Amino acid sequence: MQYINYYNSPVGRILLASDETGLTGLWFAGEKYYANNLKNSYEEKWTSILLETKNWLDIYFSGEKPKNFPSLHLIGSAFQLEVWKILLTIPYGETTTYAAIAKKIADQRHINKMSNQAVGSAIGHNNISIIVPCHRVIGKNGNLTGYAAGIDTKLKLLQIEKIDTSKMYYK
């Protein structure tokens, strides 16, 4: 069974979804893949996992670094899971690039090269925005590319984490 509820953040309304295992979705209203893996049958209620997520978001949006992740249940292809697990290692208040993630995957797989576009596609389909921090991935030279909830939202999230965005730009 899936459960949902809503969180009103300073950057927009967020839909939260979970099952018995963990958080399965965190989407901004109107984002590109909104409710991507939400099943047709769900119940609107504050479960312990959704309350844990709400608490995490309260801390995050207060400008502090949350100490612990809520329970997560990442649902995706093997490649998406590989990329999303790397996203979880990006420290709060720091950024990385699509190319750096592609290189890390290539190194893990002992291959010469991994496609930046494949990495970008997996990142774009991340169902747990903010907590699985796809907003911390930028293009080379500070290019603010790709965010399912929009570049303005990505920029605001980076600013909440006190990341210097003054040299970042829109493509």
C-alpha atoms as a PDB file:
ATOM      1  CA  MET A   1       0.000   0.000   0.000  1.00  0.00           C
ATOM      2  CA  GLN A   2       1.187   3.518  -0.724  1.00  0.00           C
ATOM      3  CA  TYR A   3       0.505   6.531   1.448  1.00  0.00           C
ATOM      4  CA  ILE A   4       0.688  10.190   0.511  1.00  0.00           C
ATOM      5  CA  ASN A   5       0.548  13.592   2.092  1.00  0.00           C
ATOM      6  CA  TYR A   6       1.557  17.131   1.218  1.00  0.00           C
ATOM      7  CA  TYR A   7       4.217  19.479   2.532  1.00  0.00           C
ATOM      8  CA  ASN A   8       4.133  23.223   1.976  1.00  0.00           C
ATOM      9  CA  SER A   9       7.723  24.340   1.507  1.00  0.00           C
ATOM     10  CA  PRO A  10       9.152  27.821   0.944  1.00  0.00           C
ATOM     11  CA  VAL A  11       9.757  26.830  -2.699  1.00  0.00           C
ATOM     12  CA  GLY A  12       6.396  25.220  -3.418  1.00  0.00           C
ATOM     13  CA  ARG A  13       3.999  22.457  -2.499  1.00  0.00           C
ATOM     14  CA  ILE A  14       5.517  18.988  -2.291  1.00  0.00           C
ATOM     15  CA  LEU A  15       3.805  15.618  -2.648  1.00  0.00           C
ATOM     16  CA  LEU A  16       5.260  12.933  -0.375  1.00  0.00           C
ATOM     17  CA  ALA A  17       4.678   9.213  -0.949  1.00  0.00           C
ATOM     18  CA  SER A  18       5.734   6.136   0.983  1.00  0.00           C
ATOM     19  CA  ASP A  19       5.077   2.471   1.366  1.00  0.00           C
ATOM     20  CA  GLU A  20       5.786   0.252   4.381  1.00  0.00           C
ATOM     21  CA  THR A  21       9.511   0.163   3.510  1.00  0.00           C
ATOM     22  CA  GLY A  22      10.300   3.850   3.104  1.00  0.00           C
ATOM     23  CA  LEU A  23       9.830   7.083   1.225  1.00  0.00           C
ATOM     24  CA  THR A  24       9.073   6.359  -2.452  1.00  0.00           C
ATOM     25  CA  GLY A  25       8.466   9.869  -3.735  1.00  0.00           C
ATOM     26  CA  LEU A  26       9.018  13.558  -3.087  1.00  0.00           C
ATOM     27  CA  TRP A  27       7.848  15.747  -5.967  1.00  0.00           C
ATOM     28  CA  PHE A  28       7.300  19.462  -6.378  1.00  0.00           C
ATOM     29  CA  ALA A  29       3.860  20.362  -7.732  1.00  0.00           C
ATOM     30  CA  GLY A  30       4.089  20.707 -11.499  1.00  0.00           C
ATOM     31  CA  GLU A  31       7.495  19.106 -11.921  1.00  0.00           C
ATOM     32  CA  LYS A  32       8.254  17.135 -15.064  1.00  0.00           C
ATOM     33  CA  TYR A  33       7.821  13.625 -13.644  1.00  0.00           C
ATOM     34  CA  TYR A  34       5.273  14.488 -10.937  1.00  0.00           C
ATOM     35  CA  ALA A  35       4.018  11.399  -9.073  1.00  0.00           C
ATOM     36  CA  ASN A  36       5.952   9.233 -11.533  1.00  0.00           C
ATOM     37  CA  ASN A  37       5.831   6.005  -9.525  1.00  0.00           C
ATOM     38  CA  LEU A  38       2.650   6.668  -7.535  1.00  0.00           C
ATOM     39  CA  LYS A  39       0.221   3.783  -7.775  1.00  0.00           C
ATOM     40  CA  ASN A  40      -3.456   4.271  -8.576  1.00  0.00           C
ATOM     41  CA  SER A  41      -4.446   3.099  -5.110  1.00  0.00           C
ATOM     42  CA  TYR A  42      -3.094   5.022  -2.118  1.00  0.00           C
ATOM     43  CA  GLU A  43      -4.242   6.446   1.184  1.00  0.00           C
ATOM     44  CA  GLU A  44      -3.743  10.036   2.302  1.00  0.00           C
ATOM     45  CA  LYS A  45      -2.373   9.839   5.834  1.00  0.00           C
ATOM     46  CA  TRP A  46       0.647  10.828   7.886  1.00  0.00           C
ATOM     47  CA  THR A  47       2.558   7.582   8.385  1.00  0.00           C
ATOM     48  CA  SER A  48       5.671   7.402  10.566  1.00  0.00           C
ATOM     49  CA  ILE A  49       7.820   7.506   7.409  1.00  0.00           C
ATOM     50  CA  LEU A  50       6.023  10.580   6.070  1.00  0.00           C
ATOM     51  CA  LEU A  51       6.290  12.295   9.470  1.00  0.00           C
ATOM     52  CA  GLU A  52      10.008  11.447   9.537  1.00  0.00           C
ATOM     53  CA  THR A  53      10.288  13.041   6.074  1.00  0.00           C
ATOM     54  CA  LYS A  54       8.309  16.108   7.166  1.00  0.00           C
ATOM     55  CA  ASN A  55      10.696  16.551  10.099  1.00  0.00           C
ATOM     56  CA  TRP A  56      13.690  16.210   7.747  1.00  0.00           C
ATOM     57  CA  LEU A  57      12.208  18.861   5.443  1.00  0.00           C
ATOM     58  CA  ASP A  58      11.484  21.207   8.366  1.00  0.00           C
ATOM     59  CA  ILE A  59      15.152  21.046   9.376  1.00  0.00           C
ATOM     60  CA  TYR A  60      16.348  21.392   5.755  1.00  0.00           C
ATOM     61  CA  PHE A  61      14.186  24.423   4.996  1.00  0.00           C
ATOM     62  CA  SER A  62      15.267  26.088   8.245  1.00  0.00           C
ATOM     63  CA  GLY A  63      18.735  26.282   6.651  1.00  0.00           C
ATOM     64  CA  GLU A  64      20.286  23.541   8.754  1.00  0.00           C
ATOM     65  CA  LYS A  65      21.811  20.271   7.612  1.00  0.00           C
ATOM     66  CA  PRO A  66      19.539  17.363   8.600  1.00  0.00           C
ATOM     67  CA  LYS A  67      21.459  14.717  10.530  1.00  0.00           C
ATOM     68  CA  ASN A  68      19.699  11.557   9.342  1.00  0.00           C
ATOM     69  CA  PHE A  69      17.890  10.550   6.189  1.00  0.00           C
ATOM     70  CA  PRO A  70      14.328   9.324   6.487  1.00  0.00           C
ATOM     71  CA  SER A  71      13.835   5.685   5.505  1.00  0.00           C
ATOM     72  CA  LEU A  72      14.067   5.489   1.720  1.00  0.00           C
ATOM     73  CA  HIS A  73      12.668   2.980  -0.757  1.00  0.00           C
ATOM     74  CA  LEU A  74      14.316   3.831  -4.071  1.00  0.00           C
ATOM     75  CA  ILE A  75      12.412   2.360  -7.007  1.00  0.00           C
ATOM     76  CA  GLY A  76      14.035   2.413 -10.441  1.00  0.00           C
ATOM     77  CA  SER A  77      16.188   0.536 -12.908  1.00  0.00           C
ATOM     78  CA  ALA A  78      19.544  -0.881 -11.836  1.00  0.00           C
ATOM     79  CA  PHE A  79      21.302   2.021 -13.575  1.00  0.00           C
ATOM     80  CA  GLN A  80      19.049   4.633 -11.959  1.00  0.00           C
ATOM     81  CA  LEU A  81      19.676   3.105  -8.537  1.00  0.00           C
ATOM     82  CA  GLU A  82      23.424   3.190  -9.183  1.00  0.00           C
ATOM     83  CA  VAL A  83      23.255   6.903 -10.038  1.00  0.00           C
ATOM     84  CA  TRP A  84      20.907   7.778  -7.166  1.00  0.00           C
ATOM     85  CA  LYS A  85      23.179   6.056  -4.642  1.00  0.00           C
ATOM     86  CA  ILE A  86      26.011   8.298  -5.837  1.00  0.00           C
ATOM     87  CA  LEU A  87      23.747  11.333  -5.420  1.00  0.00           C
ATOM     88  CA  LEU A  88      23.265  10.347  -1.780  1.00  0.00           C
ATOM     89  CA  THR A  89      27.033  10.739  -1.243  1.00  0.00           C
ATOM     90  CA  ILE A  90      27.146  14.389  -2.370  1.00  0.00           C
ATOM     91  CA  PRO A  91      27.704  16.363   0.837  1.00  0.00           C
ATOM     92  CA  TYR A  92      25.223  18.993   1.959  1.00  0.00           C
ATOM     93  CA  GLY A  93      26.354  22.406   0.751  1.00  0.00           C
ATOM     94  CA  GLU A  94      28.504  21.038  -2.081  1.00  0.00           C
ATOM     95  CA  THR A  95      27.979  20.364  -5.771  1.00  0.00           C
ATOM     96  CA  THR A  96      29.315  17.962  -8.362  1.00  0.00           C
ATOM     97  CA  THR A  97      28.942  17.597 -12.114  1.00  0.00           C
ATOM     98  CA  TYR A  98      27.237  15.136 -14.414  1.00  0.00           C
ATOM     99  CA  ALA A  99      30.674  14.325 -15.841  1.00  0.00           C
ATOM    100  CA  ALA A 100      32.095  13.522 -12.391  1.00  0.00           C
ATOM    101  CA  ILE A 101      29.226  11.114 -11.700  1.00  0.00           C
ATOM    102  CA  ALA A 102      29.655   9.511 -15.138  1.00  0.00           C
ATOM    103  CA  LYS A 103      33.375   9.051 -14.430  1.00  0.00           C
ATOM    104  CA  LYS A 104      32.629   7.501 -11.045  1.00  0.00           C
ATOM    105  CA  ILE A 105      30.257   4.986 -12.623  1.00  0.00           C
ATOM    106  CA  ALA A 106      32.750   4.202 -15.388  1.00  0.00           C
ATOM    107  CA  ASP A 107      35.431   3.610 -12.751  1.00  0.00           C
ATOM    108  CA  GLN A 108      33.112   1.365 -10.702  1.00  0.00           C
ATOM    109  CA  ARG A 109      32.274  -0.658 -13.804  1.00  0.00           C
ATOM    110  CA  HIS A 110      35.904  -0.730 -15.003  1.00  0.00           C
ATOM    111  CA  ILE A 111      35.001   0.801 -18.362  1.00  0.00           C
ATOM    112  CA  ASN A 112      36.559   3.717 -20.211  1.00  0.00           C
ATOM    113  CA  LYS A 113      33.586   6.036 -20.346  1.00  0.00           C
ATOM    114  CA  MET A 114      29.973   6.466 -19.250  1.00  0.00           C
ATOM    115  CA  SER A 115      27.575   8.789 -21.032  1.00  0.00           C
ATOM    116  CA  ASN A 116      26.893  12.088 -19.252  1.00  0.00           C
ATOM    117  CA  GLN A 117      23.480  12.093 -20.951  1.00  0.00           C
ATOM    118  CA  ALA A 118      22.586   8.675 -19.518  1.00  0.00           C
ATOM    119  CA  VAL A 119      23.569   9.949 -16.078  1.00  0.00           C
ATOM    120  CA  GLY A 120      21.499  13.114 -16.646  1.00  0.00           C
ATOM    121  CA  SER A 121      18.468  11.051 -17.647  1.00  0.00           C
ATOM    122  CA  ALA A 122      18.738   8.900 -14.506  1.00  0.00           C
ATOM    123  CA  ILE A 123      19.125  12.001 -12.366  1.00  0.00           C
ATOM    124  CA  GLY A 124      16.107  13.600 -14.062  1.00  0.00           C
ATOM    125  CA  HIS A 125      13.963  10.597 -13.132  1.00  0.00           C
ATOM    126  CA  ASN A 126      14.915  10.773  -9.456  1.00  0.00           C
ATOM    127  CA  ASN A 127      11.644  10.324  -7.548  1.00  0.00           C
ATOM    128  CA  ILE A 128      12.928  11.656  -4.230  1.00  0.00           C
ATOM    129  CA  SER A 129      13.996  15.235  -4.889  1.00  0.00           C
ATOM    130  CA  ILE A 130      15.990  17.161  -2.282  1.00  0.00           C
ATOM    131  CA  ILE A 131      16.716  14.115  -0.081  1.00  0.00           C
ATOM    132  CA  VAL A 132      18.348  12.324  -3.013  1.00  0.00           C
ATOM    133  CA  PRO A 133      20.064  15.598  -3.896  1.00  0.00           C
ATOM    134  CA  CYS A 134      19.889  15.890  -7.670  1.00  0.00           C
ATOM    135  CA  HIS A 135      19.811  19.683  -7.259  1.00  0.00           C
ATOM    136  CA  ARG A 136      23.495  19.500  -6.263  1.00  0.00           C
ATOM    137  CA  VAL A 137      24.478  18.314  -9.747  1.00  0.00           C
ATOM    138  CA  ILE A 138      25.473  21.066 -12.131  1.00  0.00           C
ATOM    139  CA  GLY A 139      27.012  21.230 -15.571  1.00  0.00           C
ATOM    140  CA  LYS A 140      30.634  21.994 -16.207  1.00  0.00           C
ATOM    141  CA  ASN A 141      31.750  25.544 -15.483  1.00  0.00           C
ATOM    142  CA  GLY A 142      28.778  26.160 -13.172  1.00  0.00           C
ATOM    143  CA  ASN A 143      26.082  25.678 -15.789  1.00  0.00           C
ATOM    144  CA  LEU A 144      22.691  25.256 -14.070  1.00  0.00           C
ATOM    145  CA  THR A 145      21.118  22.629 -16.272  1.00  0.00           C
ATOM    146  CA  GLY A 146      18.369  20.128 -15.769  1.00  0.00           C
ATOM    147  CA  TYR A 147      16.028  20.028 -12.840  1.00  0.00           C
ATOM    148  CA  ALA A 148      12.579  18.473 -13.146  1.00  0.00           C
ATOM    149  CA  ALA A 149      11.098  21.136 -10.839  1.00  0.00           C
ATOM    150  CA  GLY A 150      12.737  23.957 -12.802  1.00  0.00           C
ATOM    151  CA  ILE A 151      16.011  25.844 -12.654  1.00  0.00           C
ATOM    152  CA  ASP A 152      14.586  28.508 -10.302  1.00  0.00           C
ATOM    153  CA  THR A 153      13.749  25.815  -7.738  1.00  0.00           C
ATOM    154  CA  LYS A 154      17.194  24.258  -8.150  1.00  0.00           C
ATOM    155  CA  LEU A 155      18.810  27.645  -7.568  1.00  0.00           C
ATOM    156  CA  LYS A 156      16.723  28.262  -4.415  1.00  0.00           C
ATOM    157  CA  LEU A 157      17.663  24.849  -3.000  1.00  0.00           C
ATOM    158  CA  LEU A 158      21.351  25.523  -3.588  1.00  0.00           C
ATOM    159  CA  GLN A 159      20.976  28.892  -1.856  1.00  0.00           C
ATOM    160  CA  ILE A 160      19.239  27.262   1.135  1.00  0.00           C
ATOM    161  CA  GLU A 161      22.400  25.152   1.495  1.00  0.00           C
ATOM    162  CA  LYS A 162      24.485  28.350   1.338  1.00  0.00           C
ATOM    163  CA  ILE A 163      26.171  27.280  -1.890  1.00  0.00           C
ATOM    164  CA  ASP A 164      27.675  30.248  -3.706  1.00  0.00           C
ATOM    165  CA  THR A 165      25.552  30.523  -6.834  1.00  0.00           C
ATOM    166  CA  SER A 166      26.941  33.896  -7.965  1.00  0.00           C
ATOM    167  CA  LYS A 167      29.059  32.307 -10.714  1.00  0.00           C
ATOM    168  CA  MET A 168      26.435  29.798 -11.804  1.00  0.00           C
ATOM    169  CA  TYR A 169      24.429  30.554 -14.902  1.00  0.00           C
ATOM    170  CA  TYR A 170      21.490  29.331 -16.966  1.00  0.00           C
ATOM    171  CA  LYS A 171      22.269  27.659 -20.240  1.00  0.00           C
END
